[in-house]
C-alpha atoms as a PDB file:
ATOM      1  CA  UNK A   1       0.013   0.035   0.093  1.00  0.00           C
ATOM      2  CA  UNK A   2       1.451   3.373  -0.995  1.00  0.00           C
ATOM      3  CA  UNK A   3       2.128   6.194   1.276  1.00  0.00           C
ATOM      4  CA  UNK A   4      -0.682   8.231  -0.603  1.00  0.00           C
ATOM      5  CA  UNK A   5      -3.120   5.419   0.256  1.00  0.00           C
ATOM      6  CA  UNK A   6      -2.146   5.602   3.955  1.00  0.00           C
ATOM      7  CA  UNK A   7      -2.596   9.420   3.764  1.00  0.00           C
ATOM      8  CA  UNK A   8      -6.138   8.994   2.276  1.00  0.00           C
ATOM      9  CA  UNK A   9      -7.065   6.570   4.982  1.00  0.00           C
ATOM     10  CA  UNK A  10      -5.872   8.848   7.637  1.00  0.00           C
ATOM     11  CA  UNK A  11      -7.879  11.730   6.221  1.00  0.00           C
ATOM     12  CA  UNK A  12     -10.974   9.578   6.091  1.00  0.00           C
ATOM     13  CA  UNK A  13     -10.593   8.534   9.834  1.00  0.00           C
ATOM     14  CA  UNK A  14     -10.207  12.264  10.804  1.00  0.00           C
ATOM     15  CA  UNK A  15     -13.229  13.219   8.681  1.00  0.00           C
ATOM     16  CA  UNK A  16     -15.230  10.344  10.287  1.00  0.00           C
ATOM     17  CA  UNK A  17     -14.266  11.468  13.702  1.00  0.00           C
ATOM     18  CA  UNK A  18     -15.116  15.040  13.026  1.00  0.00           C
ATOM     19  CA  UNK A  19     -18.578  13.916  11.715  1.00  0.00           C
ATOM     20  CA  UNK A  20     -19.391  12.017  14.942  1.00  0.00           C
ATOM     21  CA  UNK A  21     -21.873  14.112  17.060  1.00  0.00           C
ATOM     22  CA  UNK A  22     -20.447  15.302  20.325  1.00  0.00           C
ATOM     23  CA  UNK A  23     -22.429  14.532  23.483  1.00  0.00           C
ATOM     24  CA  UNK A  24     -24.819  17.451  24.205  1.00  0.00           C
ATOM     25  CA  UNK A  25     -24.326  18.614  27.723  1.00  0.00           C
ATOM     26  CA  UNK A  26     -27.329  19.001  30.007  1.00  0.00           C
ATOM     27  CA  UNK A  27     -27.501  22.799  30.713  1.00  0.00           C
ATOM     28  CA  UNK A  28     -28.910  24.501  33.708  1.00  0.00           C
ATOM     29  CA  UNK A  29     -29.144  28.064  32.474  1.00  0.00           C
ATOM     30  CA  UNK A  30     -28.165  31.216  34.304  1.00  0.00           C
ATOM     31  CA  UNK A  31     -31.122  32.736  36.293  1.00  0.00           C
ATOM     32  CA  UNK A  32     -32.399  29.282  37.406  1.00  0.00           C
ATOM     33  CA  UNK A  33     -33.831  29.403  40.958  1.00  0.00           C
ATOM     34  CA  UNK A  34     -32.880  26.570  43.250  1.00  0.00           C
ATOM     35  CA  UNK A  35     -34.682  26.120  46.611  1.00  0.00           C
ATOM     36  CA  UNK A  36     -32.245  25.289  49.488  1.00  0.00           C
ATOM     37  CA  UNK A  37     -32.625  24.314  53.131  1.00  0.00           C
ATOM     38  CA  UNK A  38     -30.187  25.536  55.813  1.00  0.00           C
ATOM     39  CA  UNK A  39     -28.211  22.645  57.438  1.00  0.00           C
ATOM     40  CA  UNK A  40     -26.363  24.837  59.965  1.00  0.00           C
ATOM     41  CA  UNK A  41     -27.777  27.931  61.836  1.00  0.00           C
ATOM     42  CA  UNK A  42     -26.437  31.454  61.165  1.00  0.00           C
ATOM     43  CA  UNK A  43     -27.011  34.610  63.269  1.00  0.00           C
ATOM     44  CA  UNK A  44     -25.504  38.128  63.084  1.00  0.00           C
ATOM     45  CA  UNK A  45     -24.844  37.813  66.736  1.00  0.00           C
ATOM     46  CA  UNK A  46     -22.050  35.313  66.086  1.00  0.00           C
ATOM     47  CA  UNK A  47     -21.386  35.443  62.254  1.00  0.00           C
ATOM     48  CA  UNK A  48     -18.374  37.092  60.676  1.00  0.00           C
ATOM     49  CA  UNK A  49     -17.254  37.821  57.188  1.00  0.00           C
ATOM     50  CA  UNK A  50     -15.866  34.566  55.576  1.00  0.00           C
ATOM     51  CA  UNK A  51     -17.770  32.145  57.791  1.00  0.00           C
ATOM     52  CA  UNK A  52     -19.126  29.054  55.901  1.00  0.00           C
ATOM     53  CA  UNK A  53     -22.726  28.159  55.481  1.00  0.00           C
ATOM     54  CA  UNK A  54     -24.104  24.710  54.484  1.00  0.00           C
ATOM     55  CA  UNK A  55     -27.277  23.821  52.662  1.00  0.00           C
ATOM     56  CA  UNK A  56     -29.150  21.146  50.691  1.00  0.00           C
ATOM     57  CA  UNK A  57     -31.324  21.294  47.604  1.00  0.00           C
ATOM     58  CA  UNK A  58     -34.996  20.618  48.419  1.00  0.00           C
ATOM     59  CA  UNK A  59     -36.530  20.295  44.917  1.00  0.00           C
ATOM     60  CA  UNK A  60     -35.228  18.549  41.824  1.00  0.00           C
ATOM     61  CA  UNK A  61     -33.854  20.719  38.911  1.00  0.00           C
ATOM     62  CA  UNK A  62     -34.422  19.259  35.468  1.00  0.00           C
ATOM     63  CA  UNK A  63     -32.699  19.853  32.051  1.00  0.00           C
ATOM     64  CA  UNK A  64     -33.962  18.193  28.854  1.00  0.00           C
ATOM     65  CA  UNK A  65     -36.331  16.079  30.795  1.00  0.00           C
ATOM     66  CA  UNK A  66     -33.627  14.691  33.093  1.00  0.00           C
ATOM     67  CA  UNK A  67     -33.019  15.435  36.826  1.00  0.00           C
ATOM     68  CA  UNK A  68     -29.481  16.941  36.833  1.00  0.00           C
ATOM     69  CA  UNK A  69     -29.605  18.409  40.443  1.00  0.00           C
ATOM     70  CA  UNK A  70     -31.621  15.990  42.638  1.00  0.00           C
ATOM     71  CA  UNK A  71     -32.865  16.874  46.104  1.00  0.00           C
ATOM     72  CA  UNK A  72     -30.252  16.358  48.800  1.00  0.00           C
ATOM     73  CA  UNK A  73     -27.434  17.851  46.782  1.00  0.00           C
ATOM     74  CA  UNK A  74     -25.076  19.830  48.823  1.00  0.00           C
ATOM     75  CA  UNK A  75     -24.432  23.562  48.444  1.00  0.00           C
ATOM     76  CA  UNK A  76     -21.687  25.533  50.307  1.00  0.00           C
ATOM     77  CA  UNK A  77     -21.672  29.238  50.712  1.00  0.00           C
ATOM     78  CA  UNK A  78     -19.868  32.172  52.355  1.00  0.00           C
ATOM     79  CA  UNK A  79     -21.057  34.984  54.592  1.00  0.00           C
ATOM     80  CA  UNK A  80     -19.619  38.089  52.772  1.00  0.00           C
ATOM     81  CA  UNK A  81     -20.880  40.690  55.310  1.00  0.00           C
ATOM     82  CA  UNK A  82     -22.503  40.621  58.856  1.00  0.00           C
ATOM     83  CA  UNK A  83     -23.654  43.661  60.924  1.00  0.00           C
ATOM     84  CA  UNK A  84     -25.368  43.760  64.235  1.00  0.00           C
ATOM     85  CA  UNK A  85     -28.136  46.385  64.897  1.00  0.00           C
ATOM     86  CA  UNK A  86     -27.171  49.514  66.769  1.00  0.00           C
ATOM     87  CA  UNK A  87     -28.331  50.297  70.287  1.00  0.00           C
ATOM     88  CA  UNK A  88     -30.141  53.395  69.085  1.00  0.00           C
ATOM     89  CA  UNK A  89     -30.825  52.951  65.451  1.00  0.00           C
ATOM     90  CA  UNK A  90     -30.019  50.825  62.427  1.00  0.00           C
ATOM     91  CA  UNK A  91     -31.049  47.201  61.738  1.00  0.00           C
ATOM     92  CA  UNK A  92     -28.885  44.062  61.420  1.00  0.00           C
ATOM     93  CA  UNK A  93     -27.818  43.049  57.998  1.00  0.00           C
ATOM     94  CA  UNK A  94     -26.493  39.856  56.530  1.00  0.00           C
ATOM     95  CA  UNK A  95     -25.091  38.962  53.020  1.00  0.00           C
ATOM     96  CA  UNK A  96     -24.646  35.569  51.517  1.00  0.00           C
ATOM     97  CA  UNK A  97     -22.859  34.084  48.583  1.00  0.00           C
ATOM     98  CA  UNK A  98     -23.129  30.468  47.212  1.00  0.00           C
ATOM     99  CA  UNK A  99     -19.951  28.953  46.022  1.00  0.00           C
ATOM    100  CA  UNK A 100     -20.239  25.197  45.089  1.00  0.00           C
ATOM    101  CA  UNK A 101     -22.582  22.400  44.434  1.00  0.00           C
ATOM    102  CA  UNK A 102     -21.903  18.750  45.086  1.00  0.00           C
ATOM    103  CA  UNK A 103     -24.208  16.127  43.564  1.00  0.00           C
ATOM    104  CA  UNK A 104     -25.023  12.882  45.415  1.00  0.00           C
ATOM    105  CA  UNK A 105     -22.548  10.959  43.256  1.00  0.00           C
ATOM    106  CA  UNK A 106     -19.710  13.367  44.150  1.00  0.00           C
ATOM    107  CA  UNK A 107     -19.660  15.547  41.042  1.00  0.00           C
ATOM    108  CA  UNK A 108     -18.907  19.074  41.961  1.00  0.00           C
ATOM    109  CA  UNK A 109     -19.300  22.470  40.333  1.00  0.00           C
ATOM    110  CA  UNK A 110     -17.721  25.631  41.561  1.00  0.00           C
ATOM    111  CA  UNK A 111     -19.623  28.838  40.694  1.00  0.00           C
ATOM    112  CA  UNK A 112     -20.849  32.186  42.119  1.00  0.00           C
ATOM    113  CA  UNK A 113     -24.557  32.511  42.941  1.00  0.00           C
ATOM    114  CA  UNK A 114     -26.585  35.059  44.736  1.00  0.00           C
ATOM    115  CA  UNK A 115     -29.635  34.795  47.100  1.00  0.00           C
ATOM    116  CA  UNK A 116     -32.919  35.293  45.339  1.00  0.00           C
ATOM    117  CA  UNK A 117     -35.493  34.786  48.092  1.00  0.00           C
ATOM    118  CA  UNK A 118     -36.210  34.016  51.789  1.00  0.00           C
ATOM    119  CA  UNK A 119     -38.617  31.800  53.658  1.00  0.00           C
ATOM    120  CA  UNK A 120     -42.037  33.628  53.727  1.00  0.00           C
ATOM    121  CA  UNK A 121     -42.408  32.831  57.391  1.00  0.00           C
ATOM    122  CA  UNK A 122     -39.226  34.685  58.279  1.00  0.00           C
ATOM    123  CA  UNK A 123     -39.485  37.881  60.309  1.00  0.00           C
ATOM    124  CA  UNK A 124     -36.505  39.278  58.498  1.00  0.00           C
ATOM    125  CA  UNK A 125     -36.822  41.437  55.397  1.00  0.00           C
ATOM    126  CA  UNK A 126     -35.047  40.568  52.142  1.00  0.00           C
ATOM    127  CA  UNK A 127     -33.815  43.305  49.750  1.00  0.00           C
ATOM    128  CA  UNK A 128     -33.693  41.620  46.314  1.00  0.00           C
ATOM    129  CA  UNK A 129     -31.865  44.468  44.682  1.00  0.00           C
ATOM    130  CA  UNK A 130     -28.940  44.322  47.062  1.00  0.00           C
ATOM    131  CA  UNK A 131     -29.178  40.706  48.220  1.00  0.00           C
ATOM    132  CA  UNK A 132     -29.321  41.846  51.777  1.00  0.00           C
ATOM    133  CA  UNK A 133     -31.154  40.213  54.699  1.00  0.00           C
ATOM    134  CA  UNK A 134     -32.267  42.861  57.187  1.00  0.00           C
ATOM    135  CA  UNK A 135     -33.353  42.130  60.779  1.00  0.00           C
ATOM    136  CA  UNK A 136     -36.774  42.892  62.186  1.00  0.00           C
ATOM    137  CA  UNK A 137     -37.427  46.490  63.267  1.00  0.00           C
ATOM    138  CA  UNK A 138     -38.017  47.202  66.912  1.00  0.00           C
ATOM    139  CA  UNK A 139     -40.009  50.503  66.926  1.00  0.00           C
ATOM    140  CA  UNK A 140     -43.139  48.924  68.050  1.00  0.00           C
ATOM    141  CA  UNK A 141     -41.362  46.991  70.776  1.00  0.00           C
ATOM    142  CA  UNK A 142     -39.499  50.005  71.948  1.00  0.00           C
ATOM    143  CA  UNK A 143     -42.840  51.984  72.266  1.00  0.00           C
ATOM    144  CA  UNK A 144     -44.190  49.148  74.431  1.00  0.00           C
ATOM    145  CA  UNK A 145     -41.275  49.051  76.518  1.00  0.00           C
ATOM    146  CA  UNK A 146     -41.571  52.801  77.309  1.00  0.00           C
ATOM    147  CA  UNK A 147     -45.336  52.642  77.806  1.00  0.00           C
ATOM    148  CA  UNK A 148     -45.042  49.762  80.091  1.00  0.00           C
ATOM    149  CA  UNK A 149     -42.322  51.298  82.253  1.00  0.00           C
ATOM    150  CA  UNK A 150     -44.325  54.537  82.384  1.00  0.00           C
ATOM    151  CA  UNK A 151     -47.419  52.669  83.489  1.00  0.00           C
ATOM    152  CA  UNK A 152     -45.434  50.932  86.224  1.00  0.00           C
ATOM    153  CA  UNK A 153     -43.955  54.207  87.391  1.00  0.00           C
ATOM    154  CA  UNK A 154     -47.408  55.884  87.493  1.00  0.00           C
ATOM    155  CA  UNK A 155     -48.738  53.214  89.700  1.00  0.00           C
ATOM    156  CA  UNK A 156     -45.820  53.560  92.118  1.00  0.00           C
ATOM    157  CA  UNK A 157     -46.220  57.347  92.019  1.00  0.00           C
ATOM    158  CA  UNK A 158     -49.901  57.182  92.866  1.00  0.00           C
ATOM    159  CA  UNK A 159     -49.215  55.036  95.957  1.00  0.00           C
ATOM    160  CA  UNK A 160     -46.306  57.164  97.070  1.00  0.00           C
ATOM    161  CA  UNK A 161     -48.171  60.368  96.429  1.00  0.00           C
ATOM    162  CA  UNK A 162     -51.240  59.261  98.316  1.00  0.00           C
ATOM    163  CA  UNK A 163     -49.160  58.334 101.290  1.00  0.00           C
ATOM    164  CA  UNK A 164     -47.656  61.778 101.218  1.00  0.00           C
ATOM    165  CA  UNK A 165     -51.046  63.501 100.669  1.00  0.00           C
ATOM    166  CA  UNK A 166     -50.115  64.641  97.003  1.00  0.00           C
ATOM    167  CA  UNK A 167     -51.467  61.920  94.665  1.00  0.00           C
ATOM    168  CA  UNK A 168     -51.492  64.111  91.584  1.00  0.00           C
ATOM    169  CA  UNK A 169     -47.840  65.210  91.963  1.00  0.00           C
ATOM    170  CA  UNK A 170     -46.860  61.554  92.786  1.00  0.00           C
ATOM    171  CA  UNK A 171     -48.639  60.381  89.632  1.00  0.00           C
ATOM    172  CA  UNK A 172     -46.736  62.825  87.465  1.00  0.00           C
ATOM    173  CA  UNK A 173     -43.385  62.103  89.089  1.00  0.00           C
ATOM    174  CA  UNK A 174     -43.977  58.386  88.813  1.00  0.00           C
ATOM    175  CA  UNK A 175     -44.971  58.536  85.101  1.00  0.00           C
ATOM    176  CA  UNK A 176     -41.937  60.647  84.221  1.00  0.00           C
ATOM    177  CA  UNK A 177     -39.531  58.305  86.084  1.00  0.00           C
ATOM    178  CA  UNK A 178     -41.008  55.248  84.497  1.00  0.00           C
ATOM    179  CA  UNK A 179     -40.838  56.690  81.069  1.00  0.00           C
ATOM    180  CA  UNK A 180     -37.162  57.689  81.631  1.00  0.00           C
ATOM    181  CA  UNK A 181     -36.375  54.122  82.810  1.00  0.00           C
ATOM    182  CA  UNK A 182     -38.108  52.565  79.856  1.00  0.00           C
ATOM    183  CA  UNK A 183     -36.108  54.901  77.399  1.00  0.00           C
ATOM    184  CA  UNK A 184     -32.980  53.951  79.087  1.00  0.00           C
ATOM    185  CA  UNK A 185     -33.737  50.262  78.660  1.00  0.00           C
ATOM    186  CA  UNK A 186     -34.447  50.949  74.940  1.00  0.00           C
ATOM    187  CA  UNK A 187     -31.104  52.837  74.507  1.00  0.00           C
ATOM    188  CA  UNK A 188     -29.171  50.058  76.097  1.00  0.00           C
ATOM    189  CA  UNK A 189     -30.653  47.183  74.120  1.00  0.00           C
ATOM    190  CA  UNK A 190     -29.760  46.227  70.588  1.00  0.00           C
ATOM    191  CA  UNK A 191     -32.216  45.576  67.705  1.00  0.00           C
ATOM    192  CA  UNK A 192     -33.201  42.240  66.403  1.00  0.00           C
ATOM    193  CA  UNK A 193     -30.408  39.938  64.994  1.00  0.00           C
ATOM    194  CA  UNK A 194     -30.852  38.297  61.679  1.00  0.00           C
ATOM    195  CA  UNK A 195     -31.344  34.505  62.425  1.00  0.00           C
ATOM    196  CA  UNK A 196     -31.319  31.857  59.774  1.00  0.00           C
ATOM    197  CA  UNK A 197     -32.121  28.793  61.685  1.00  0.00           C
ATOM    198  CA  UNK A 198     -31.468  25.093  60.636  1.00  0.00           C
ATOM    199  CA  UNK A 199     -34.276  24.160  58.278  1.00  0.00           C
ATOM    200  CA  UNK A 200     -34.822  27.727  56.994  1.00  0.00           C
ATOM    201  CA  UNK A 201     -35.636  27.791  53.278  1.00  0.00           C
ATOM    202  CA  UNK A 202     -33.761  30.208  51.073  1.00  0.00           C
ATOM    203  CA  UNK A 203     -33.584  30.488  47.263  1.00  0.00           C
ATOM    204  CA  UNK A 204     -30.339  30.508  45.175  1.00  0.00           C
ATOM    205  CA  UNK A 205     -30.361  32.203  41.796  1.00  0.00           C
ATOM    206  CA  UNK A 206     -27.541  31.026  39.381  1.00  0.00           C
ATOM    207  CA  UNK A 207     -25.471  33.864  37.912  1.00  0.00           C
ATOM    208  CA  UNK A 208     -24.013  31.469  35.301  1.00  0.00           C
ATOM    209  CA  UNK A 209     -25.022  28.334  33.511  1.00  0.00           C
ATOM    210  CA  UNK A 210     -24.020  24.865  34.756  1.00  0.00           C
ATOM    211  CA  UNK A 211     -23.259  22.071  32.309  1.00  0.00           C
ATOM    212  CA  UNK A 212     -23.377  18.322  33.117  1.00  0.00           C
ATOM    213  CA  UNK A 213     -22.553  15.338  30.868  1.00  0.00           C
ATOM    214  CA  UNK A 214     -24.394  12.010  30.776  1.00  0.00           C
ATOM    215  CA  UNK A 215     -21.904  10.522  33.173  1.00  0.00           C
ATOM    216  CA  UNK A 216     -22.116  13.520  35.501  1.00  0.00           C
ATOM    217  CA  UNK A 217     -25.772  12.805  36.187  1.00  0.00           C
ATOM    218  CA  UNK A 218     -25.560   9.076  36.628  1.00  0.00           C
ATOM    219  CA  UNK A 219     -26.608   8.464  40.121  1.00  0.00           C
ATOM    220  CA  UNK A 220     -26.916   4.735  39.920  1.00  0.00           C
ATOM    221  CA  UNK A 221     -23.628   4.276  41.822  1.00  0.00           C
ATOM    222  CA  UNK A 222     -24.155   7.163  44.253  1.00  0.00           C
ATOM    223  CA  UNK A 223     -24.266   6.247  47.937  1.00  0.00           C
ATOM    224  CA  UNK A 224     -27.599   5.439  49.477  1.00  0.00           C
ATOM    225  CA  UNK A 225     -29.819   8.511  48.716  1.00  0.00           C
ATOM    226  CA  UNK A 226     -30.679  10.799  51.440  1.00  0.00           C
ATOM    227  CA  UNK A 227     -34.291  11.769  51.166  1.00  0.00           C
ATOM    228  CA  UNK A 228     -35.094  15.092  52.860  1.00  0.00           C
ATOM    229  CA  UNK A 229     -38.208  15.530  54.915  1.00  0.00           C
ATOM    230  CA  UNK A 230     -39.561  18.584  56.682  1.00  0.00           C
ATOM    231  CA  UNK A 231     -41.025  18.043  60.067  1.00  0.00           C
ATOM    232  CA  UNK A 232     -44.066  20.000  61.086  1.00  0.00           C
ATOM    233  CA  UNK A 233     -42.383  21.885  63.801  1.00  0.00           C
ATOM    234  CA  UNK A 234     -38.932  23.416  64.309  1.00  0.00           C
ATOM    235  CA  UNK A 235     -37.158  25.165  67.162  1.00  0.00           C
ATOM    236  CA  UNK A 236     -38.900  28.338  68.415  1.00  0.00           C
ATOM    237  CA  UNK A 237     -37.023  31.526  67.885  1.00  0.00           C
ATOM    238  CA  UNK A 238     -36.902  34.226  70.516  1.00  0.00           C
ATOM    239  CA  UNK A 239     -36.573  37.855  70.240  1.00  0.00           C
ATOM    240  CA  UNK A 240     -33.970  39.728  72.210  1.00  0.00           C
ATOM    241  CA  UNK A 241     -36.614  40.677  74.891  1.00  0.00           C
ATOM    242  CA  UNK A 242     -37.294  37.037  75.520  1.00  0.00           C
ATOM    243  CA  UNK A 243     -40.686  36.761  73.634  1.00  0.00           C
ATOM    244  CA  UNK A 244     -41.128  33.994  71.028  1.00  0.00           C
ATOM    245  CA  UNK A 245     -41.450  34.732  67.439  1.00  0.00           C
ATOM    246  CA  UNK A 246     -44.755  33.457  65.938  1.00  0.00           C
ATOM    247  CA  UNK A 247     -44.696  30.431  63.660  1.00  0.00           C
ATOM    248  CA  UNK A 248     -41.994  27.803  64.175  1.00  0.00           C
ATOM    249  CA  UNK A 249     -39.748  27.030  61.230  1.00  0.00           C
ATOM    250  CA  UNK A 250     -39.466  23.650  59.637  1.00  0.00           C
ATOM    251  CA  UNK A 251     -36.534  21.445  60.467  1.00  0.00           C
ATOM    252  CA  UNK A 252     -34.647  19.263  57.993  1.00  0.00           C
ATOM    253  CA  UNK A 253     -35.019  15.522  58.835  1.00  0.00           C
ATOM    254  CA  UNK A 254     -33.352  12.509  57.356  1.00  0.00           C
ATOM    255  CA  UNK A 255     -35.414   9.342  57.772  1.00  0.00           C
END
């Protein structure tokens, strides 16, 4: 066989290889919203920039009719900023960033994603434009503290004033003293911390697309699947004044 024949055969093989269709990856486009459940708890009382957060996906994400991100996939993130509320004004703030995704079979993708939503039962506010979680305001609670202290002072003033034969003066002095004490208590206390407890549902929005091959989404050899369940009740959350926030949050459970 001549060299020219070998050359022609080589060209034919290259052409055949070029004609073979490449595997089309399964694409999860940018902007996809992925529901997540907190595994650990985070609070502005203890959190600092750079602290890690750990979550799990709670709903399957599909591409071309295939589940590419099944429930129970792990997501890791980072606290990029944490600020406690001031003693006189200002609300606590927390910023999160999502960094990586690990499927049940161990396939990992690094990325950068932002927060797109917060559990509707949360008392905190979520600023979608800035991706900022803000703690609950305390104006109403502060007014109650001052009014309660003023009322208690008034009662004491009435008793003391009556004993001294000057009930009206005692009432005025007691009310003023009580209000001053209540205001002092307000000035010495901080506002509410942002608290994302274990089981809190948040939403991640992908800032870039994720691609997976057929082998990437083969979960047949993955370790025994962990199926997530949400119990009816979670740990109660308390305000800084000791009162309980209404509506317990769900807790992640693994049967």
